[in-house]
Amino acid sequence: VQVVGESQRKTVVGRTAAVPLVAGSLLSPGQMGGSAFPPVGQSVIAVG
């Protein structure tokens, strides 16, 4: 489990969510990224 410690709160505030973040879930480093969405190298598609 990759988590973000409480001591890093100030560095997290102001960053951009790279994926949808759900209330109640733990924050992990890979869920944060730059302001561009989708991130470089990723795409969003819809499936039925």
ModelCIF file with pLDDT and N, C-alpha, C, O atoms, coordinates in Angstrom:
data_MODEL
#
_entry.id   MODEL 
#
_entity.id                         1 
_entity.type                       polymer 
_entity.pdbx_number_of_molecules   1 
#
_entity_poly.entity_id                      1 
_entity_poly.type                           'polypeptide(L)' 
_entity_poly.nstd_linkage                   no 
_entity_poly.nstd_monomer                   no 
_entity_poly.pdbx_seq_one_letter_code       VQVVGESQRKTVVGRTAAVPLVAGSLLSPGQMGGSAFPPVGQSVIAVG 
_entity_poly.pdbx_seq_one_letter_code_can   VQVVGESQRKTVVGRTAAVPLVAGSLLSPGQMGGSAFPPVGQSVIAVG 
_entity_poly.pdbx_strand_id                 A 
#
loop_
_entity_poly_seq.entity_id 
_entity_poly_seq.num 
_entity_poly_seq.mon_id 
_entity_poly_seq.hetero 
1 1  VAL n 
1 2  GLN n 
1 3  VAL n 
1 4  VAL n 
1 5  GLY n 
1 6  GLU n 
1 7  SER n 
1 8  GLN n 
1 9  ARG n 
1 10 LYS n 
1 11 THR n 
1 12 VAL n 
1 13 VAL n 
1 14 GLY n 
1 15 ARG n 
1 16 THR n 
1 17 ALA n 
1 18 ALA n 
1 19 VAL n 
1 20 PRO n 
1 21 LEU n 
1 22 VAL n 
1 23 ALA n 
1 24 GLY n 
1 25 SER n 
1 26 LEU n 
1 27 LEU n 
1 28 SER n 
1 29 PRO n 
1 30 GLY n 
1 31 GLN n 
1 32 MET n 
1 33 GLY n 
1 34 GLY n 
1 35 SER n 
1 36 ALA n 
1 37 PHE n 
1 38 PRO n 
1 39 PRO n 
1 40 VAL n 
1 41 GLY n 
1 42 GLN n 
1 43 SER n 
1 44 VAL n 
1 45 ILE n 
1 46 ALA n 
1 47 VAL n 
1 48 GLY n 
#
_struct_asym.id          A 
_struct_asym.entity_id   1 
#
loop_
_ma_qa_metric.id 
_ma_qa_metric.mode 
_ma_qa_metric.name 
_ma_qa_metric.software_group_id 
_ma_qa_metric.type 
1 global pLDDT . pLDDT 
2 local  pLDDT . pLDDT 
#
_ma_qa_metric_global.metric_id      1 
_ma_qa_metric_global.metric_value   86.10 
_ma_qa_metric_global.model_id       1 
_ma_qa_metric_global.ordinal_id     1 
#
loop_
_ma_qa_metric_local.label_asym_id 
_ma_qa_metric_local.label_comp_id 
_ma_qa_metric_local.label_seq_id 
_ma_qa_metric_local.metric_id 
_ma_qa_metric_local.metric_value 
_ma_qa_metric_local.model_id 
_ma_qa_metric_local.ordinal_id 
A VAL 1  2 75.00 1 1  
A GLN 2  2 86.00 1 2  
A VAL 3  2 90.00 1 3  
A VAL 4  2 92.00 1 4  
A GLY 5  2 92.00 1 5  
A GLU 6  2 93.00 1 6  
A SER 7  2 93.00 1 7  
A GLN 8  2 92.00 1 8  
A ARG 9  2 92.00 1 9  
A LYS 10 2 90.00 1 10 
A THR 11 2 88.00 1 11 
A VAL 12 2 90.00 1 12 
A VAL 13 2 89.00 1 13 
A GLY 14 2 85.00 1 14 
A ARG 15 2 87.00 1 15 
A THR 16 2 86.00 1 16 
A ALA 17 2 87.00 1 17 
A ALA 18 2 82.00 1 18 
A VAL 19 2 82.00 1 19 
A PRO 20 2 86.00 1 20 
A LEU 21 2 90.00 1 21 
A VAL 22 2 91.00 1 22 
A ALA 23 2 91.00 1 23 
A GLY 24 2 92.00 1 24 
A SER 25 2 92.00 1 25 
A LEU 26 2 92.00 1 26 
A LEU 27 2 93.00 1 27 
A SER 28 2 90.00 1 28 
A PRO 29 2 89.00 1 29 
A GLY 30 2 86.00 1 30 
A GLN 31 2 87.00 1 31 
A MET 32 2 87.00 1 32 
A GLY 33 2 76.00 1 33 
A GLY 34 2 62.00 1 34 
A SER 35 2 55.00 1 35 
A ALA 36 2 62.00 1 36 
A PHE 37 2 70.00 1 37 
A PRO 38 2 78.00 1 38 
A PRO 39 2 76.00 1 39 
A VAL 40 2 79.00 1 40 
A GLY 41 2 88.00 1 41 
A GLN 42 2 89.00 1 42 
A SER 43 2 92.00 1 43 
A VAL 44 2 92.00 1 44 
A ILE 45 2 94.00 1 45 
A ALA 46 2 94.00 1 46 
A VAL 47 2 95.00 1 47 
A GLY 48 2 94.00 1 48 
#
loop_
_atom_site.group_PDB 
_atom_site.id 
_atom_site.type_symbol 
_atom_site.label_atom_id 
_atom_site.label_alt_id 
_atom_site.label_comp_id 
_atom_site.label_asym_id 
_atom_site.label_entity_id 
_atom_site.label_seq_id 
_atom_site.pdbx_PDB_ins_code 
_atom_site.Cartn_x 
_atom_site.Cartn_y 
_atom_site.Cartn_z 
_atom_site.occupancy 
_atom_site.B_iso_or_equiv 
_atom_site.pdbx_formal_charge 
_atom_site.auth_seq_id 
_atom_site.auth_comp_id 
_atom_site.auth_asym_id 
_atom_site.auth_atom_id 
_atom_site.pdbx_PDB_model_num 
ATOM 1   N N  . VAL A 1 1  ? 0.845   -1.191 0.000   1.00 75.00 ? 1  VAL A N  1 
ATOM 2   C CA . VAL A 1 1  ? 0.000   0.000  0.000   1.00 75.00 ? 1  VAL A CA 1 
ATOM 3   C C  . VAL A 1 1  ? 0.881   1.241  0.000   1.00 75.00 ? 1  VAL A C  1 
ATOM 4   O O  . VAL A 1 1  ? 1.704   1.415  0.898   1.00 75.00 ? 1  VAL A O  1 
ATOM 5   N N  . GLN A 1 2  ? 0.718   2.104  -0.996  1.00 86.00 ? 2  GLN A N  1 
ATOM 6   C CA . GLN A 1 2  ? 1.448   3.357  -1.079  1.00 86.00 ? 2  GLN A CA 1 
ATOM 7   C C  . GLN A 1 2  ? 0.565   4.470  -0.516  1.00 86.00 ? 2  GLN A C  1 
ATOM 8   O O  . GLN A 1 2  ? -0.549  4.684  -0.993  1.00 86.00 ? 2  GLN A O  1 
ATOM 9   N N  . VAL A 1 3  ? 1.057   5.162  0.477   1.00 90.00 ? 3  VAL A N  1 
ATOM 10  C CA . VAL A 1 3  ? 0.284   6.203  1.138   1.00 90.00 ? 3  VAL A CA 1 
ATOM 11  C C  . VAL A 1 3  ? 1.100   7.483  1.215   1.00 90.00 ? 3  VAL A C  1 
ATOM 12  O O  . VAL A 1 3  ? 2.302   7.488  0.948   1.00 90.00 ? 3  VAL A O  1 
ATOM 13  N N  . VAL A 1 4  ? 0.429   8.566  1.585   1.00 92.00 ? 4  VAL A N  1 
ATOM 14  C CA . VAL A 1 4  ? 1.070   9.868  1.757   1.00 92.00 ? 4  VAL A CA 1 
ATOM 15  C C  . VAL A 1 4  ? 0.957   10.245 3.230   1.00 92.00 ? 4  VAL A C  1 
ATOM 16  O O  . VAL A 1 4  ? -0.147  10.330 3.768   1.00 92.00 ? 4  VAL A O  1 
ATOM 17  N N  . GLY A 1 5  ? 2.088   10.468 3.879   1.00 92.00 ? 5  GLY A N  1 
ATOM 18  C CA . GLY A 1 5  ? 2.094   10.777 5.297   1.00 92.00 ? 5  GLY A CA 1 
ATOM 19  C C  . GLY A 1 5  ? 1.500   12.136 5.612   1.00 92.00 ? 5  GLY A C  1 
ATOM 20  O O  . GLY A 1 5  ? 1.452   13.022 4.759   1.00 92.00 ? 5  GLY A O  1 
ATOM 21  N N  . GLU A 1 6  ? 1.049   12.289 6.849   1.00 93.00 ? 6  GLU A N  1 
ATOM 22  C CA . GLU A 1 6  ? 0.459   13.561 7.291   1.00 93.00 ? 6  GLU A CA 1 
ATOM 23  C C  . GLU A 1 6  ? 1.446   14.718 7.158   1.00 93.00 ? 6  GLU A C  1 
ATOM 24  O O  . GLU A 1 6  ? 1.043   15.853 6.903   1.00 93.00 ? 6  GLU A O  1 
ATOM 25  N N  . SER A 1 7  ? 2.735   14.435 7.332   1.00 93.00 ? 7  SER A N  1 
ATOM 26  C CA . SER A 1 7  ? 3.744   15.489 7.265   1.00 93.00 ? 7  SER A CA 1 
ATOM 27  C C  . SER A 1 7  ? 3.858   16.110 5.877   1.00 93.00 ? 7  SER A C  1 
ATOM 28  O O  . SER A 1 7  ? 4.442   17.185 5.738   1.00 93.00 ? 7  SER A O  1 
ATOM 29  N N  . GLN A 1 8  ? 3.312   15.460 4.842   1.00 92.00 ? 8  GLN A N  1 
ATOM 30  C CA . GLN A 1 8  ? 3.402   15.962 3.475   1.00 92.00 ? 8  GLN A CA 1 
ATOM 31  C C  . GLN A 1 8  ? 2.164   16.756 3.064   1.00 92.00 ? 8  GLN A C  1 
ATOM 32  O O  . GLN A 1 8  ? 1.989   17.077 1.888   1.00 92.00 ? 8  GLN A O  1 
ATOM 33  N N  . ARG A 1 9  ? 1.310   17.071 4.030   1.00 92.00 ? 9  ARG A N  1 
ATOM 34  C CA . ARG A 1 9  ? 0.041   17.737 3.698   1.00 92.00 ? 9  ARG A CA 1 
ATOM 35  C C  . ARG A 1 9  ? 0.258   19.063 2.961   1.00 92.00 ? 9  ARG A C  1 
ATOM 36  O O  . ARG A 1 9  ? -0.442  19.350 1.990   1.00 92.00 ? 9  ARG A O  1 
ATOM 37  N N  . LYS A 1 10 ? 1.214   19.863 3.409   1.00 90.00 ? 10 LYS A N  1 
ATOM 38  C CA . LYS A 1 10 ? 1.437   21.156 2.775   1.00 90.00 ? 10 LYS A CA 1 
ATOM 39  C C  . LYS A 1 10 ? 1.896   21.023 1.332   1.00 90.00 ? 10 LYS A C  1 
ATOM 40  O O  . LYS A 1 10 ? 1.579   21.876 0.503   1.00 90.00 ? 10 LYS A O  1 
ATOM 41  N N  . THR A 1 11 ? 2.641   19.963 1.018   1.00 88.00 ? 11 THR A N  1 
ATOM 42  C CA . THR A 1 11 ? 3.107   19.772 -0.354  1.00 88.00 ? 11 THR A CA 1 
ATOM 43  C C  . THR A 1 11 ? 2.022   19.191 -1.248  1.00 88.00 ? 11 THR A C  1 
ATOM 44  O O  . THR A 1 11 ? 2.087   19.321 -2.471  1.00 88.00 ? 11 THR A O  1 
ATOM 45  N N  . VAL A 1 12 ? 1.023   18.550 -0.643  1.00 90.00 ? 12 VAL A N  1 
ATOM 46  C CA . VAL A 1 12 ? -0.074  17.974 -1.432  1.00 90.00 ? 12 VAL A CA 1 
ATOM 47  C C  . VAL A 1 12 ? -1.068  19.054 -1.858  1.00 90.00 ? 12 VAL A C  1 
ATOM 48  O O  . VAL A 1 12 ? -1.565  19.051 -2.985  1.00 90.00 ? 12 VAL A O  1 
ATOM 49  N N  . VAL A 1 13 ? -1.348  19.981 -0.933  1.00 89.00 ? 13 VAL A N  1 
ATOM 50  C CA . VAL A 1 13 ? -2.310  21.048 -1.230  1.00 89.00 ? 13 VAL A CA 1 
ATOM 51  C C  . VAL A 1 13 ? -1.793  21.884 -2.401  1.00 89.00 ? 13 VAL A C  1 
ATOM 52  O O  . VAL A 1 13 ? -0.658  22.360 -2.387  1.00 89.00 ? 13 VAL A O  1 
ATOM 53  N N  . GLY A 1 14 ? -2.638  22.053 -3.405  1.00 85.00 ? 14 GLY A N  1 
ATOM 54  C CA . GLY A 1 14 ? -2.267  22.802 -4.598  1.00 85.00 ? 14 GLY A CA 1 
ATOM 55  C C  . GLY A 1 14 ? -1.909  21.926 -5.781  1.00 85.00 ? 14 GLY A C  1 
ATOM 56  O O  . GLY A 1 14 ? -1.828  22.409 -6.910  1.00 85.00 ? 14 GLY A O  1 
ATOM 57  N N  . ARG A 1 15 ? -1.691  20.629 -5.531  1.00 87.00 ? 15 ARG A N  1 
ATOM 58  C CA . ARG A 1 15 ? -1.416  19.726 -6.644  1.00 87.00 ? 15 ARG A CA 1 
ATOM 59  C C  . ARG A 1 15 ? -2.715  19.305 -7.319  1.00 87.00 ? 15 ARG A C  1 
ATOM 60  O O  . ARG A 1 15 ? -3.805  19.541 -6.796  1.00 87.00 ? 15 ARG A O  1 
ATOM 61  N N  . THR A 1 16 ? -2.589  18.693 -8.456  1.00 86.00 ? 16 THR A N  1 
ATOM 62  C CA . THR A 1 16 ? -3.753  18.327 -9.259  1.00 86.00 ? 16 THR A CA 1 
ATOM 63  C C  . THR A 1 16 ? -4.003  16.827 -9.179  1.00 86.00 ? 16 THR A C  1 
ATOM 64  O O  . THR A 1 16 ? -3.069  16.025 -9.194  1.00 86.00 ? 16 THR A O  1 
ATOM 65  N N  . ALA A 1 17 ? -5.268  16.466 -9.094  1.00 87.00 ? 17 ALA A N  1 
ATOM 66  C CA . ALA A 1 17 ? -5.639  15.049 -9.085  1.00 87.00 ? 17 ALA A CA 1 
ATOM 67  C C  . ALA A 1 17 ? -5.472  14.481 -10.485 1.00 87.00 ? 17 ALA A C  1 
ATOM 68  O O  . ALA A 1 17 ? -6.090  14.957 -11.438 1.00 87.00 ? 17 ALA A O  1 
ATOM 69  N N  . ALA A 1 18 ? -4.634  13.462 -10.601 1.00 82.00 ? 18 ALA A N  1 
ATOM 70  C CA . ALA A 1 18 ? -4.408  12.835 -11.903 1.00 82.00 ? 18 ALA A CA 1 
ATOM 71  C C  . ALA A 1 18 ? -5.538  11.886 -12.266 1.00 82.00 ? 18 ALA A C  1 
ATOM 72  O O  . ALA A 1 18 ? -5.766  11.606 -13.443 1.00 82.00 ? 18 ALA A O  1 
ATOM 73  N N  . VAL A 1 19 ? -6.247  11.389 -11.258 1.00 82.00 ? 19 VAL A N  1 
ATOM 74  C CA . VAL A 1 19 ? -7.384  10.481 -11.457 1.00 82.00 ? 19 VAL A CA 1 
ATOM 75  C C  . VAL A 1 19 ? -8.505  10.944 -10.527 1.00 82.00 ? 19 VAL A C  1 
ATOM 76  O O  . VAL A 1 19 ? -8.249  11.722 -9.608  1.00 82.00 ? 19 VAL A O  1 
ATOM 77  N N  . PRO A 1 20 ? -9.727  10.489 -10.740 1.00 86.00 ? 20 PRO A N  1 
ATOM 78  C CA . PRO A 1 20 ? -10.801 10.842 -9.813  1.00 86.00 ? 20 PRO A CA 1 
ATOM 79  C C  . PRO A 1 20 ? -10.501 10.322 -8.407  1.00 86.00 ? 20 PRO A C  1 
ATOM 80  O O  . PRO A 1 20 ? -10.171 9.150  -8.230  1.00 86.00 ? 20 PRO A O  1 
ATOM 81  N N  . LEU A 1 21 ? -10.615 11.189 -7.425  1.00 90.00 ? 21 LEU A N  1 
ATOM 82  C CA . LEU A 1 21 ? -10.366 10.828 -6.030  1.00 90.00 ? 21 LEU A CA 1 
ATOM 83  C C  . LEU A 1 21 ? -11.698 10.730 -5.301  1.00 90.00 ? 21 LEU A C  1 
ATOM 84  O O  . LEU A 1 21 ? -12.526 11.638 -5.374  1.00 90.00 ? 21 LEU A O  1 
ATOM 85  N N  . VAL A 1 22 ? -11.894 9.625  -4.601  1.00 91.00 ? 22 VAL A N  1 
ATOM 86  C CA . VAL A 1 22 ? -13.179 9.338  -3.953  1.00 91.00 ? 22 VAL A CA 1 
ATOM 87  C C  . VAL A 1 22 ? -13.064 9.588  -2.454  1.00 91.00 ? 22 VAL A C  1 
ATOM 88  O O  . VAL A 1 22 ? -12.081 9.199  -1.823  1.00 91.00 ? 22 VAL A O  1 
ATOM 89  N N  . ALA A 1 23 ? -14.073 10.239 -1.894  1.00 91.00 ? 23 ALA A N  1 
ATOM 90  C CA . ALA A 1 23 ? -14.092 10.512 -0.458  1.00 91.00 ? 23 ALA A CA 1 
ATOM 91  C C  . ALA A 1 23 ? -13.982 9.223  0.349   1.00 91.00 ? 23 ALA A C  1 
ATOM 92  O O  . ALA A 1 23 ? -14.643 8.229  0.044   1.00 91.00 ? 23 ALA A O  1 
ATOM 93  N N  . GLY A 1 24 ? -13.147 9.250  1.373   1.00 92.00 ? 24 GLY A N  1 
ATOM 94  C CA . GLY A 1 24 ? -12.959 8.089  2.231   1.00 92.00 ? 24 GLY A CA 1 
ATOM 95  C C  . GLY A 1 24 ? -11.800 7.198  1.829   1.00 92.00 ? 24 GLY A C  1 
ATOM 96  O O  . GLY A 1 24 ? -11.393 6.333  2.605   1.00 92.00 ? 24 GLY A O  1 
ATOM 97  N N  . SER A 1 25 ? -11.253 7.390  0.621   1.00 92.00 ? 25 SER A N  1 
ATOM 98  C CA . SER A 1 25 ? -10.145 6.550  0.171   1.00 92.00 ? 25 SER A CA 1 
ATOM 99  C C  . SER A 1 25 ? -8.814  7.165  0.580   1.00 92.00 ? 25 SER A C  1 
ATOM 100 O O  . SER A 1 25 ? -8.718  8.373  0.794   1.00 92.00 ? 25 SER A O  1 
ATOM 101 N N  . LEU A 1 26 ? -7.790  6.326  0.686   1.00 92.00 ? 26 LEU A N  1 
ATOM 102 C CA . LEU A 1 26 ? -6.454  6.803  1.023   1.00 92.00 ? 26 LEU A CA 1 
ATOM 103 C C  . LEU A 1 26 ? -5.814  7.471  -0.180  1.00 92.00 ? 26 LEU A C  1 
ATOM 104 O O  . LEU A 1 26 ? -6.012  7.037  -1.314  1.00 92.00 ? 26 LEU A O  1 
ATOM 105 N N  . LEU A 1 27 ? -5.058  8.511  0.062   1.00 93.00 ? 27 LEU A N  1 
ATOM 106 C CA . LEU A 1 27 ? -4.351  9.204  -1.010  1.00 93.00 ? 27 LEU A CA 1 
ATOM 107 C C  . LEU A 1 27 ? -3.003  8.526  -1.249  1.00 93.00 ? 27 LEU A C  1 
ATOM 108 O O  . LEU A 1 27 ? -2.276  8.215  -0.306  1.00 93.00 ? 27 LEU A O  1 
ATOM 109 N N  . SER A 1 28 ? -2.687  8.306  -2.510  1.00 90.00 ? 28 SER A N  1 
ATOM 110 C CA . SER A 1 28 ? -1.405  7.692  -2.863  1.00 90.00 ? 28 SER A CA 1 
ATOM 111 C C  . SER A 1 28 ? -0.648  8.625  -3.801  1.00 90.00 ? 28 SER A C  1 
ATOM 112 O O  . SER A 1 28 ? -1.268  9.426  -4.499  1.00 90.00 ? 28 SER A O  1 
ATOM 113 N N  . PRO A 1 29 ? 0.678   8.536  -3.832  1.00 89.00 ? 29 PRO A N  1 
ATOM 114 C CA . PRO A 1 29 ? 1.467   9.443  -4.674  1.00 89.00 ? 29 PRO A CA 1 
ATOM 115 C C  . PRO A 1 29 ? 1.095   9.379  -6.152  1.00 89.00 ? 29 PRO A C  1 
ATOM 116 O O  . PRO A 1 29 ? 1.132   10.400 -6.839  1.00 89.00 ? 29 PRO A O  1 
ATOM 117 N N  . GLY A 1 30 ? 0.741   8.206  -6.648  1.00 86.00 ? 30 GLY A N  1 
ATOM 118 C CA . GLY A 1 30 ? 0.428   8.067  -8.069  1.00 86.00 ? 30 GLY A CA 1 
ATOM 119 C C  . GLY A 1 30 ? -0.873  8.720  -8.490  1.00 86.00 ? 30 GLY A C  1 
ATOM 120 O O  . GLY A 1 30 ? -1.151  8.821  -9.685  1.00 86.00 ? 30 GLY A O  1 
ATOM 121 N N  . GLN A 1 31 ? -1.682  9.169  -7.528  1.00 87.00 ? 31 GLN A N  1 
ATOM 122 C CA . GLN A 1 31 ? -2.951  9.804  -7.859  1.00 87.00 ? 31 GLN A CA 1 
ATOM 123 C C  . GLN A 1 31 ? -2.822  11.300 -8.097  1.00 87.00 ? 31 GLN A C  1 
ATOM 124 O O  . GLN A 1 31 ? -3.798  11.964 -8.444  1.00 87.00 ? 31 GLN A O  1 
ATOM 125 N N  . MET A 1 32 ? -1.627  11.828 -7.913  1.00 87.00 ? 32 MET A N  1 
ATOM 126 C CA . MET A 1 32 ? -1.406  13.260 -8.102  1.00 87.00 ? 32 MET A CA 1 
ATOM 127 C C  . MET A 1 32 ? -0.464  13.487 -9.278  1.00 87.00 ? 32 MET A C  1 
ATOM 128 O O  . MET A 1 32 ? 0.475   12.723 -9.499  1.00 87.00 ? 32 MET A O  1 
ATOM 129 N N  . GLY A 1 33 ? -0.733  14.538 -10.016 1.00 76.00 ? 33 GLY A N  1 
ATOM 130 C CA . GLY A 1 33 ? 0.084   14.816 -11.181 1.00 76.00 ? 33 GLY A CA 1 
ATOM 131 C C  . GLY A 1 33 ? 0.037   16.282 -11.547 1.00 76.00 ? 33 GLY A C  1 
ATOM 132 O O  . GLY A 1 33 ? -0.269  17.132 -10.711 1.00 76.00 ? 33 GLY A O  1 
ATOM 133 N N  . GLY A 1 34 ? 0.345   16.580 -12.812 1.00 62.00 ? 34 GLY A N  1 
ATOM 134 C CA . GLY A 1 34 ? 0.299   17.950 -13.297 1.00 62.00 ? 34 GLY A CA 1 
ATOM 135 C C  . GLY A 1 34 ? -1.120  18.403 -13.565 1.00 62.00 ? 34 GLY A C  1 
ATOM 136 O O  . GLY A 1 34 ? -2.080  17.672 -13.323 1.00 62.00 ? 34 GLY A O  1 
ATOM 137 N N  . SER A 1 35 ? -1.236  19.621 -14.068 1.00 55.00 ? 35 SER A N  1 
ATOM 138 C CA . SER A 1 35 ? -2.562  20.188 -14.311 1.00 55.00 ? 35 SER A CA 1 
ATOM 139 C C  . SER A 1 35 ? -3.215  19.654 -15.578 1.00 55.00 ? 35 SER A C  1 
ATOM 140 O O  . SER A 1 35 ? -4.434  19.734 -15.726 1.00 55.00 ? 35 SER A O  1 
ATOM 141 N N  . ALA A 1 36 ? -2.414  19.106 -16.498 1.00 62.00 ? 36 ALA A N  1 
ATOM 142 C CA . ALA A 1 36 ? -2.979  18.604 -17.744 1.00 62.00 ? 36 ALA A CA 1 
ATOM 143 C C  . ALA A 1 36 ? -3.730  17.298 -17.499 1.00 62.00 ? 36 ALA A C  1 
ATOM 144 O O  . ALA A 1 36 ? -3.251  16.415 -16.788 1.00 62.00 ? 36 ALA A O  1 
ATOM 145 N N  . PHE A 1 37 ? -4.911  17.192 -18.099 1.00 70.00 ? 37 PHE A N  1 
ATOM 146 C CA . PHE A 1 37 ? -5.678  15.956 -17.990 1.00 70.00 ? 37 PHE A CA 1 
ATOM 147 C C  . PHE A 1 37 ? -6.336  15.678 -19.337 1.00 70.00 ? 37 PHE A C  1 
ATOM 148 O O  . PHE A 1 37 ? -6.912  16.583 -19.941 1.00 70.00 ? 37 PHE A O  1 
ATOM 149 N N  . PRO A 1 38 ? -6.257  14.436 -19.813 1.00 78.00 ? 38 PRO A N  1 
ATOM 150 C CA . PRO A 1 38 ? -5.536  13.315 -19.212 1.00 78.00 ? 38 PRO A CA 1 
ATOM 151 C C  . PRO A 1 38 ? -4.020  13.560 -19.199 1.00 78.00 ? 38 PRO A C  1 
ATOM 152 O O  . PRO A 1 38 ? -3.508  14.336 -20.005 1.00 78.00 ? 38 PRO A O  1 
ATOM 153 N N  . PRO A 1 39 ? -3.316  12.903 -18.290 1.00 76.00 ? 39 PRO A N  1 
ATOM 154 C CA . PRO A 1 39 ? -1.859  13.061 -18.272 1.00 76.00 ? 39 PRO A CA 1 
ATOM 155 C C  . PRO A 1 39 ? -1.250  12.574 -19.581 1.00 76.00 ? 39 PRO A C  1 
ATOM 156 O O  . PRO A 1 39 ? -1.868  11.811 -20.324 1.00 76.00 ? 39 PRO A O  1 
ATOM 157 N N  . VAL A 1 40 ? -0.048  13.022 -19.847 1.00 79.00 ? 40 VAL A N  1 
ATOM 158 C CA . VAL A 1 40 ? 0.663   12.612 -21.063 1.00 79.00 ? 40 VAL A CA 1 
ATOM 159 C C  . VAL A 1 40 ? 0.814   11.096 -21.075 1.00 79.00 ? 40 VAL A C  1 
ATOM 160 O O  . VAL A 1 40 ? 1.231   10.493 -20.086 1.00 79.00 ? 40 VAL A O  1 
ATOM 161 N N  . GLY A 1 41 ? 0.467   10.489 -22.214 1.00 88.00 ? 41 GLY A N  1 
ATOM 162 C CA . GLY A 1 41 ? 0.575   9.041  -22.346 1.00 88.00 ? 41 GLY A CA 1 
ATOM 163 C C  . GLY A 1 41 ? -0.667  8.290  -21.918 1.00 88.00 ? 41 GLY A C  1 
ATOM 164 O O  . GLY A 1 41 ? -0.686  7.061  -21.979 1.00 88.00 ? 41 GLY A O  1 
ATOM 165 N N  . GLN A 1 42 ? -1.721  9.000  -21.480 1.00 89.00 ? 42 GLN A N  1 
ATOM 166 C CA . GLN A 1 42 ? -2.956  8.362  -21.075 1.00 89.00 ? 42 GLN A CA 1 
ATOM 167 C C  . GLN A 1 42 ? -4.135  8.969  -21.816 1.00 89.00 ? 42 GLN A C  1 
ATOM 168 O O  . GLN A 1 42 ? -4.066  10.094 -22.312 1.00 89.00 ? 42 GLN A O  1 
ATOM 169 N N  . SER A 1 43 ? -5.217  8.205  -21.882 1.00 92.00 ? 43 SER A N  1 
ATOM 170 C CA . SER A 1 43 ? -6.413  8.637  -22.605 1.00 92.00 ? 43 SER A CA 1 
ATOM 171 C C  . SER A 1 43 ? -7.653  8.223  -21.824 1.00 92.00 ? 43 SER A C  1 
ATOM 172 O O  . SER A 1 43 ? -7.607  7.347  -20.961 1.00 92.00 ? 43 SER A O  1 
ATOM 173 N N  . VAL A 1 44 ? -8.761  8.877  -22.152 1.00 92.00 ? 44 VAL A N  1 
ATOM 174 C CA . VAL A 1 44 ? -10.052 8.533  -21.568 1.00 92.00 ? 44 VAL A CA 1 
ATOM 175 C C  . VAL A 1 44 ? -10.960 8.038  -22.690 1.00 92.00 ? 44 VAL A C  1 
ATOM 176 O O  . VAL A 1 44 ? -11.138 8.711  -23.705 1.00 92.00 ? 44 VAL A O  1 
ATOM 177 N N  . ILE A 1 45 ? -11.531 6.846  -22.489 1.00 94.00 ? 45 ILE A N  1 
ATOM 178 C CA . ILE A 1 45 ? -12.467 6.289  -23.461 1.00 94.00 ? 45 ILE A CA 1 
ATOM 179 C C  . ILE A 1 45 ? -13.738 5.865  -22.740 1.00 94.00 ? 45 ILE A C  1 
ATOM 180 O O  . ILE A 1 45 ? -13.749 5.694  -21.521 1.00 94.00 ? 45 ILE A O  1 
ATOM 181 N N  . ALA A 1 46 ? -14.802 5.698  -23.507 1.00 94.00 ? 46 ALA A N  1 
ATOM 182 C CA . ALA A 1 46 ? -16.066 5.210  -22.952 1.00 94.00 ? 46 ALA A CA 1 
ATOM 183 C C  . ALA A 1 46 ? -16.377 3.852  -23.555 1.00 94.00 ? 46 ALA A C  1 
ATOM 184 O O  . ALA A 1 46 ? -16.213 3.639  -24.756 1.00 94.00 ? 46 ALA A O  1 
ATOM 185 N N  . VAL A 1 47 ? -16.830 2.936  -22.707 1.00 95.00 ? 47 VAL A N  1 
ATOM 186 C CA . VAL A 1 47 ? -17.216 1.606  -23.166 1.00 95.00 ? 47 VAL A CA 1 
ATOM 187 C C  . VAL A 1 47 ? -18.623 1.321  -22.682 1.00 95.00 ? 47 VAL A C  1 
ATOM 188 O O  . VAL A 1 47 ? -19.039 1.798  -21.626 1.00 95.00 ? 47 VAL A O  1 
ATOM 189 N N  . GLY A 1 48 ? -19.353 0.536  -23.465 1.00 94.00 ? 48 GLY A N  1 
ATOM 190 C CA . GLY A 1 48 ? -20.689 0.111  -23.069 1.00 94.00 ? 48 GLY A CA 1 
ATOM 191 C C  . GLY A 1 48 ? -20.618 -1.236 -22.358 1.00 94.00 ? 48 GLY A C  1 
ATOM 192 O O  . GLY A 1 48 ? -21.647 -1.770 -21.942 1.00 94.00 ? 48 GLY A O  1 
#
